[in-house]
């Protein structure tokens, strides 16, 4: 049984994966975002039915894992073994194989992938994995936007963040309607932080594992320390659950930004029960092409400002994986065809 978190970043997924990683039955490593990074590049490999093309894909996936800023401790990826574990010649199959190898190395019964961008690849995941379980982790999008503003990753303008947040929620909610309830768990960041013990018990029941008090002491683990040292993005994971970390947008976000967010993502907010503050239903703002161009310009400026403030060591660690993706993209389809 594979376990997938779905949703969007800045919603508490690092906290949750470290809690799950305290369960002996579940291995929940820091994700190299295999599907998110490599799915757009699959056409570059040509016909995966050809051994050379598939071997190249396997090697690239393994390299991506090996370059992860938070290492998969004790995991050795033998390319031939990974390929042999694949029931199909596909990226999803290779993804599953490396996670299986990791879980076995960590002596766990199963694994959880916390790459929330898996929400964009649900049909492929459902097709390959038998009886996969999904943890839909969501958070008030206005707080998500506020968090992205400060983060080294992601969009920065509330308009762009709202569009991404709305799409992720829509995909997850539509998927939920077609998956048996026994395989789908709804979890809000607000519930997780307000009552982590009760939420952890409910999640363990869903996953059919026993609750362990260590889940709430995740911040003491070696995995938490490794994550925190790898990037400022994850520095909070060495602290206990932050119980007063919701509704921050009311104090820290500008009214016009919140109004933009609610105008763009109001429908998904309504479906999830998040009350709008400024853009009531029917009173949403409409944006002209010129306004959107201005949002684009501001978004780029904000990204540049954040990038200038990134710790050089953090930037270097991130650049290693980014360099691999650029290498694959530059390689193009011809390389796979040539073997």
Protein backbone atom coordinates (compact mmCIF):
# COMPACT_ATOMS: atom_id res chain seq x y z
CA UNK A 1 0.00 0.00 0.00
CA UNK A 2 1.61 3.24 -1.17
CA UNK A 3 0.64 6.49 0.57
CA UNK A 4 0.53 9.84 -1.21
CA UNK A 5 0.10 13.33 0.20
CA UNK A 6 -1.64 15.67 -2.20
CA UNK A 7 -2.30 19.40 -2.14
CA UNK A 8 0.07 22.37 -2.35
CA UNK A 9 3.27 23.38 -0.58
CA UNK A 10 3.35 25.55 2.55
CA UNK A 11 0.46 23.55 4.02
CA UNK A 12 2.29 21.60 6.72
CA UNK A 13 3.54 18.66 4.69
CA UNK A 14 7.02 18.69 6.25
CA UNK A 15 5.48 18.56 9.71
CA UNK A 16 3.18 15.72 8.70
CA UNK A 17 5.78 13.61 6.94
CA UNK A 18 8.09 13.80 9.97
CA UNK A 19 5.22 12.69 12.20
CA UNK A 20 4.52 9.73 9.91
CA UNK A 21 8.21 8.92 9.72
CA UNK A 22 8.12 8.18 13.46
CA UNK A 23 5.92 5.16 12.75
CA UNK A 24 8.01 2.01 12.21
CA UNK A 25 5.63 0.76 9.53
CA UNK A 26 5.98 3.86 7.33
CA UNK A 27 9.04 5.38 5.66
CA UNK A 28 8.44 9.03 4.80
CA UNK A 29 11.62 10.56 3.36
CA UNK A 30 12.15 14.07 2.15
CA UNK A 31 10.95 13.94 -1.47
CA UNK A 32 13.07 14.58 -4.56
CA UNK A 33 9.78 15.42 -6.36
CA UNK A 34 10.33 12.80 -9.04
CA UNK A 35 7.03 13.10 -10.88
CA UNK A 36 6.88 16.88 -10.64
CA UNK A 37 10.37 17.34 -12.03
CA UNK A 38 10.62 14.55 -14.58
CA UNK A 39 7.10 14.02 -15.94
CA UNK A 40 7.42 17.07 -18.26
CA UNK A 41 10.67 15.59 -19.59
CA UNK A 42 9.43 12.06 -20.31
CA UNK A 43 9.13 12.79 -24.07
CA UNK A 44 12.89 13.41 -24.10
CA UNK A 45 13.47 9.71 -23.48
CA UNK A 46 11.69 8.60 -26.62
CA UNK A 47 10.31 5.06 -26.70
CA UNK A 48 10.65 3.65 -23.17
CA UNK A 49 10.13 0.20 -24.65
CA UNK A 50 13.73 0.46 -25.84
CA UNK A 51 16.14 -0.78 -23.19
CA UNK A 52 18.55 2.12 -23.69
CA UNK A 53 15.82 4.71 -23.22
CA UNK A 54 14.40 3.06 -20.13
CA UNK A 55 17.85 2.56 -18.59
CA UNK A 56 18.55 6.25 -19.10
CA UNK A 57 15.32 7.16 -17.32
CA UNK A 58 16.12 4.82 -14.42
CA UNK A 59 19.57 6.34 -14.06
CA UNK A 60 18.21 9.90 -14.10
CA UNK A 61 15.60 9.11 -11.44
CA UNK A 62 18.26 7.52 -9.24
CA UNK A 63 20.57 10.49 -9.71
CA UNK A 64 17.77 12.88 -8.75
CA UNK A 65 17.24 10.92 -5.53
CA UNK A 66 20.97 10.79 -4.82
CA UNK A 67 21.21 14.58 -5.22
CA UNK A 68 18.34 15.26 -2.82
CA UNK A 69 19.22 18.08 -0.36
CA UNK A 70 18.05 15.86 2.52
CA UNK A 71 19.77 12.52 1.82
CA UNK A 72 17.96 9.17 1.96
CA UNK A 73 20.21 7.73 4.66
CA UNK A 74 21.39 4.16 4.05
CA UNK A 75 19.67 3.81 0.66
CA UNK A 76 21.71 2.40 -2.23
CA UNK A 77 20.05 2.51 -5.64
CA UNK A 78 21.30 -0.26 -7.88
CA UNK A 79 20.06 0.65 -11.37
CA UNK A 80 19.47 -2.92 -12.50
CA UNK A 81 17.57 -3.74 -9.34
CA UNK A 82 15.39 -0.64 -9.70
CA UNK A 83 14.60 -1.51 -13.33
CA UNK A 84 13.78 -5.11 -12.40
CA UNK A 85 11.24 -3.94 -9.83
CA UNK A 86 9.22 -2.03 -12.43
CA UNK A 87 6.02 -3.72 -13.62
CA UNK A 88 5.87 -1.29 -16.55
CA UNK A 89 8.38 0.83 -18.36
CA UNK A 90 7.16 4.19 -17.14
CA UNK A 91 8.28 7.05 -14.91
CA UNK A 92 5.62 6.18 -12.33
CA UNK A 93 6.97 2.64 -12.17
CA UNK A 94 10.55 3.83 -11.61
CA UNK A 95 9.30 6.28 -8.99
CA UNK A 96 7.57 3.42 -7.14
CA UNK A 97 10.62 1.20 -7.41
CA UNK A 98 13.03 3.65 -5.79
CA UNK A 99 10.55 4.28 -2.97
CA UNK A 100 10.22 0.52 -2.48
CA UNK A 101 14.00 0.20 -2.22
CA UNK A 102 14.06 3.03 0.30
CA UNK A 103 11.30 1.50 2.45
CA UNK A 104 13.09 -1.84 2.56
CA UNK A 105 16.37 -0.15 3.51
CA UNK A 106 14.55 1.62 6.34
CA UNK A 107 12.84 -1.65 7.34
CA UNK A 108 9.37 -0.17 6.86
CA UNK A 109 6.27 -1.97 5.62
CA UNK A 110 5.28 0.82 3.24
CA UNK A 111 6.16 4.37 2.28
CA UNK A 112 4.63 7.82 2.04
CA UNK A 113 5.54 10.30 -0.68
CA UNK A 114 4.96 13.83 0.59
CA UNK A 115 5.43 15.54 -2.78
CA UNK A 116 2.12 17.43 -2.83
CA UNK A 117 2.47 18.06 -6.57
CA UNK A 118 1.41 14.43 -7.00
CA UNK A 119 -2.07 15.96 -7.16
CA UNK A 120 -1.31 16.70 -10.82
CA UNK A 121 -0.53 13.05 -11.62
CA UNK A 122 -3.40 11.24 -9.91
CA UNK A 123 -4.61 9.33 -13.01
CA UNK A 124 -1.13 7.87 -13.58
CA UNK A 125 -0.73 7.05 -9.89
CA UNK A 126 -4.12 5.35 -9.70
CA UNK A 127 -3.38 3.32 -12.82
CA UNK A 128 -0.11 1.92 -11.49
CA UNK A 129 -0.51 1.59 -7.73
CA UNK A 130 -2.97 -0.93 -6.35
CA UNK A 131 -5.16 0.43 -3.53
CA UNK A 132 -3.03 3.50 -2.91
CA UNK A 133 -4.10 5.72 -0.03
CA UNK A 134 -4.24 9.50 -0.21
CA UNK A 135 -3.83 12.14 2.47
CA UNK A 136 -5.33 15.37 1.20
CA UNK A 137 -3.58 18.07 3.20
CA UNK A 138 -5.01 21.54 2.82
CA UNK A 139 -4.63 24.93 4.50
CA UNK A 140 -6.36 28.29 4.27
CA UNK A 141 -4.99 29.57 0.98
CA UNK A 142 -4.53 33.08 2.31
CA UNK A 143 -2.07 31.78 4.90
CA UNK A 144 -0.46 29.66 2.18
CA UNK A 145 0.02 32.80 0.08
CA UNK A 146 1.54 34.64 3.02
CA UNK A 147 3.96 31.75 3.56
CA UNK A 148 4.95 31.61 -0.11
CA UNK A 149 5.72 35.33 0.00
CA UNK A 150 8.52 34.59 2.45
CA UNK A 151 9.68 31.25 1.00
CA UNK A 152 12.57 30.63 -1.38
CA UNK A 153 10.28 28.62 -3.67
CA UNK A 154 7.03 29.24 -5.50
CA UNK A 155 5.08 32.19 -6.81
CA UNK A 156 5.02 35.44 -4.85
CA UNK A 157 2.04 37.52 -6.01
CA UNK A 158 -1.29 36.65 -4.37
CA UNK A 159 -2.91 36.39 -7.83
CA UNK A 160 -0.50 33.69 -9.00
CA UNK A 161 -0.54 31.82 -5.70
CA UNK A 162 -4.35 31.87 -5.67
CA UNK A 163 -4.50 30.33 -9.14
CA UNK A 164 -2.16 27.50 -8.14
CA UNK A 165 -3.89 26.94 -4.80
CA UNK A 166 -7.33 26.87 -6.42
CA UNK A 167 -6.25 24.39 -9.10
CA UNK A 168 -4.67 22.02 -6.58
CA UNK A 169 -7.76 22.05 -4.35
CA UNK A 170 -10.08 21.52 -7.30
CA UNK A 171 -8.08 18.53 -8.54
CA UNK A 172 -8.00 16.98 -5.06
CA UNK A 173 -11.70 17.56 -4.37
CA UNK A 174 -12.78 16.25 -7.77
CA UNK A 175 -10.57 13.19 -7.28
CA UNK A 176 -12.04 12.61 -3.82
CA UNK A 177 -15.48 12.25 -5.37
CA UNK A 178 -14.30 9.22 -7.35
CA UNK A 179 -12.18 7.38 -4.77
CA UNK A 180 -13.54 5.10 -2.03
CA UNK A 181 -13.59 6.86 1.34
CA UNK A 182 -11.43 4.13 2.84
CA UNK A 183 -8.56 5.31 0.61
CA UNK A 184 -8.92 9.08 1.05
CA UNK A 185 -8.24 11.12 4.18
CA UNK A 186 -9.08 14.81 4.48
CA UNK A 187 -6.73 16.72 6.74
CA UNK A 188 -6.65 20.47 7.28
CA UNK A 189 -3.55 22.19 8.58
CA UNK A 190 -5.78 23.99 11.03
CA UNK A 191 -7.00 20.71 12.55
CA UNK A 192 -3.49 19.24 12.58
CA UNK A 193 -2.04 22.18 14.53
CA UNK A 194 -5.04 22.75 16.83
CA UNK A 195 -5.19 19.16 18.08
CA UNK A 196 -2.21 17.17 16.76
CA UNK A 197 -2.73 14.16 19.01
CA UNK A 198 -6.36 13.65 18.07
CA UNK A 199 -5.55 14.19 14.40
CA UNK A 200 -2.64 11.74 14.56
CA UNK A 201 -4.90 9.08 16.11
CA UNK A 202 -7.44 9.54 13.30
CA UNK A 203 -4.75 9.36 10.65
CA UNK A 204 -3.27 6.20 12.15
CA UNK A 205 -6.72 4.59 12.10
CA UNK A 206 -7.01 5.46 8.41
CA UNK A 207 -3.57 4.01 7.68
CA UNK A 208 -4.28 0.93 9.84
CA UNK A 209 -1.25 1.41 12.06
CA UNK A 210 -0.92 1.96 15.80
CA UNK A 211 -0.55 5.50 17.10
CA UNK A 212 2.75 6.26 18.81
CA UNK A 213 3.45 9.24 21.11
CA UNK A 214 6.74 9.71 19.25
CA UNK A 215 4.71 11.20 16.40
CA UNK A 216 4.34 14.37 18.47
CA UNK A 217 8.06 14.42 19.24
CA UNK A 218 9.07 14.38 15.58
CA UNK A 219 11.14 17.54 16.11
CA UNK A 220 13.67 15.56 18.19
CA UNK A 221 14.43 13.11 15.38
CA UNK A 222 17.60 12.98 13.34
CA UNK A 223 15.51 13.30 10.18
CA UNK A 224 14.08 16.61 11.42
CA UNK A 225 17.55 17.92 12.17
CA UNK A 226 18.80 16.90 8.71
CA UNK A 227 15.88 18.65 7.05
CA UNK A 228 16.31 21.84 9.09
CA UNK A 229 20.01 22.01 8.27
CA UNK A 230 19.36 21.59 4.54
CA UNK A 231 17.24 24.71 4.00
CA UNK A 232 15.65 27.69 5.73
CA UNK A 233 12.39 26.40 4.27
CA UNK A 234 12.29 23.67 6.89
CA UNK A 235 13.84 25.38 9.90
CA UNK A 236 10.61 25.10 11.92
CA UNK A 237 10.60 21.30 11.89
CA UNK A 238 12.94 21.16 14.89
CA UNK A 239 10.25 22.84 16.99
CA UNK A 240 7.04 21.34 18.41
CA UNK A 241 3.77 21.84 16.51
CA UNK A 242 3.02 25.56 16.15
CA UNK A 243 -0.51 25.75 17.52
CA UNK A 244 -1.01 29.48 16.87
CA UNK A 245 -0.01 29.50 13.22
CA UNK A 246 -3.39 30.06 11.55
CA UNK A 247 -5.27 33.15 10.43
CA UNK A 248 -2.02 35.07 10.14
CA UNK A 249 -3.17 36.72 6.92
CA UNK A 250 -5.60 38.86 8.91
CA UNK A 251 -2.69 40.69 10.53
CA UNK A 252 0.12 40.34 8.02
CA UNK A 253 -1.48 40.54 4.54
CA UNK A 254 -2.76 43.65 2.83
CA UNK A 255 -6.49 43.90 2.24
CA UNK A 256 -6.08 44.28 -1.52
CA UNK A 257 -3.97 41.09 -1.66
CA UNK A 258 -6.56 39.13 0.32
CA UNK A 259 -9.31 40.51 -1.92
CA UNK A 260 -7.39 39.34 -4.99
CA UNK A 261 -6.93 35.87 -3.50
CA UNK A 262 -10.60 35.51 -2.55
CA UNK A 263 -11.68 36.70 -6.00
CA UNK A 264 -9.51 34.12 -7.76
CA UNK A 265 -9.91 31.14 -5.41
CA UNK A 266 -13.24 31.85 -3.73
CA UNK A 267 -15.00 28.79 -5.12
CA UNK A 268 -12.42 26.38 -3.67
CA UNK A 269 -12.46 28.30 -0.39
CA UNK A 270 -16.23 27.86 -0.24
CA UNK A 271 -15.97 24.12 -0.90
CA UNK A 272 -13.47 23.75 1.95
CA UNK A 273 -15.40 25.93 4.37
CA UNK A 274 -12.99 28.88 4.55
CA UNK A 275 -14.98 32.05 5.10
CA UNK A 276 -14.26 34.94 2.79
CA UNK A 277 -13.48 38.30 4.37
CA UNK A 278 -13.52 40.86 1.57
CA UNK A 279 -14.61 39.34 -1.77
CA UNK A 280 -18.01 37.86 -0.98
CA UNK A 281 -19.62 35.48 -3.46
CA UNK A 282 -20.88 37.51 -6.39
CA UNK A 283 -18.65 40.43 -5.50
CA UNK A 284 -15.35 39.08 -6.82
CA UNK A 285 -12.94 41.35 -8.64
CA UNK A 286 -12.43 40.88 -12.37
CA UNK A 287 -8.96 41.49 -13.78
CA UNK A 288 -8.09 43.00 -17.15
CA UNK A 289 -5.23 41.73 -19.29
CA UNK A 290 -3.28 44.84 -18.35
CA UNK A 291 -3.75 44.16 -14.63
CA UNK A 292 -2.60 40.59 -15.06
CA UNK A 293 0.51 41.80 -16.90
CA UNK A 294 1.20 44.08 -13.95
CA UNK A 295 0.75 41.14 -11.59
CA UNK A 296 3.24 39.16 -13.70
CA UNK A 297 5.81 41.93 -13.50
CA UNK A 298 5.39 42.28 -9.75
CA UNK A 299 5.60 38.52 -9.30
CA UNK A 300 8.92 38.40 -11.13
CA UNK A 301 10.27 41.29 -9.07
CA UNK A 302 9.27 39.65 -5.80
CA UNK A 303 10.90 36.38 -6.88
CA UNK A 304 14.14 38.19 -7.65
CA UNK A 305 14.08 39.94 -4.29
CA UNK A 306 13.67 36.64 -2.47
CA UNK A 307 16.35 34.94 -4.53
CA UNK A 308 18.83 37.65 -3.55
CA UNK A 309 18.19 36.89 0.11
CA UNK A 310 18.68 33.12 -0.14
CA UNK A 311 21.52 31.65 1.88
CA UNK A 312 24.26 30.84 -0.70
CA UNK A 313 24.74 27.34 0.76
CA UNK A 314 21.00 26.67 0.43
CA UNK A 315 21.04 27.94 -3.14
CA UNK A 316 23.99 25.69 -3.95
CA UNK A 317 22.23 22.60 -2.58
CA UNK A 318 19.13 23.40 -4.62
CA UNK A 319 21.19 24.11 -7.69
CA UNK A 320 22.55 20.57 -7.84
CA UNK A 321 19.15 19.04 -8.60
CA UNK A 322 18.20 21.95 -10.83
CA UNK A 323 21.41 21.36 -12.75
CA UNK A 324 20.43 17.76 -13.40
CA UNK A 325 17.03 18.81 -14.71
CA UNK A 326 18.68 21.36 -17.02
CA UNK A 327 21.07 18.66 -18.23
CA UNK A 328 18.19 16.32 -19.08
CA UNK A 329 16.25 19.08 -20.82
CA UNK A 330 19.30 20.11 -22.86
CA UNK A 331 20.02 16.48 -23.76
CA UNK A 332 16.79 16.26 -25.73
CA UNK A 333 15.12 13.24 -27.37
CA UNK A 334 18.06 12.52 -29.65
CA UNK A 335 20.30 11.21 -26.86
CA UNK A 336 17.85 8.49 -25.84
CA UNK A 337 17.35 7.47 -29.46
CA UNK A 338 21.09 7.09 -29.89
CA UNK A 339 21.39 4.98 -26.72
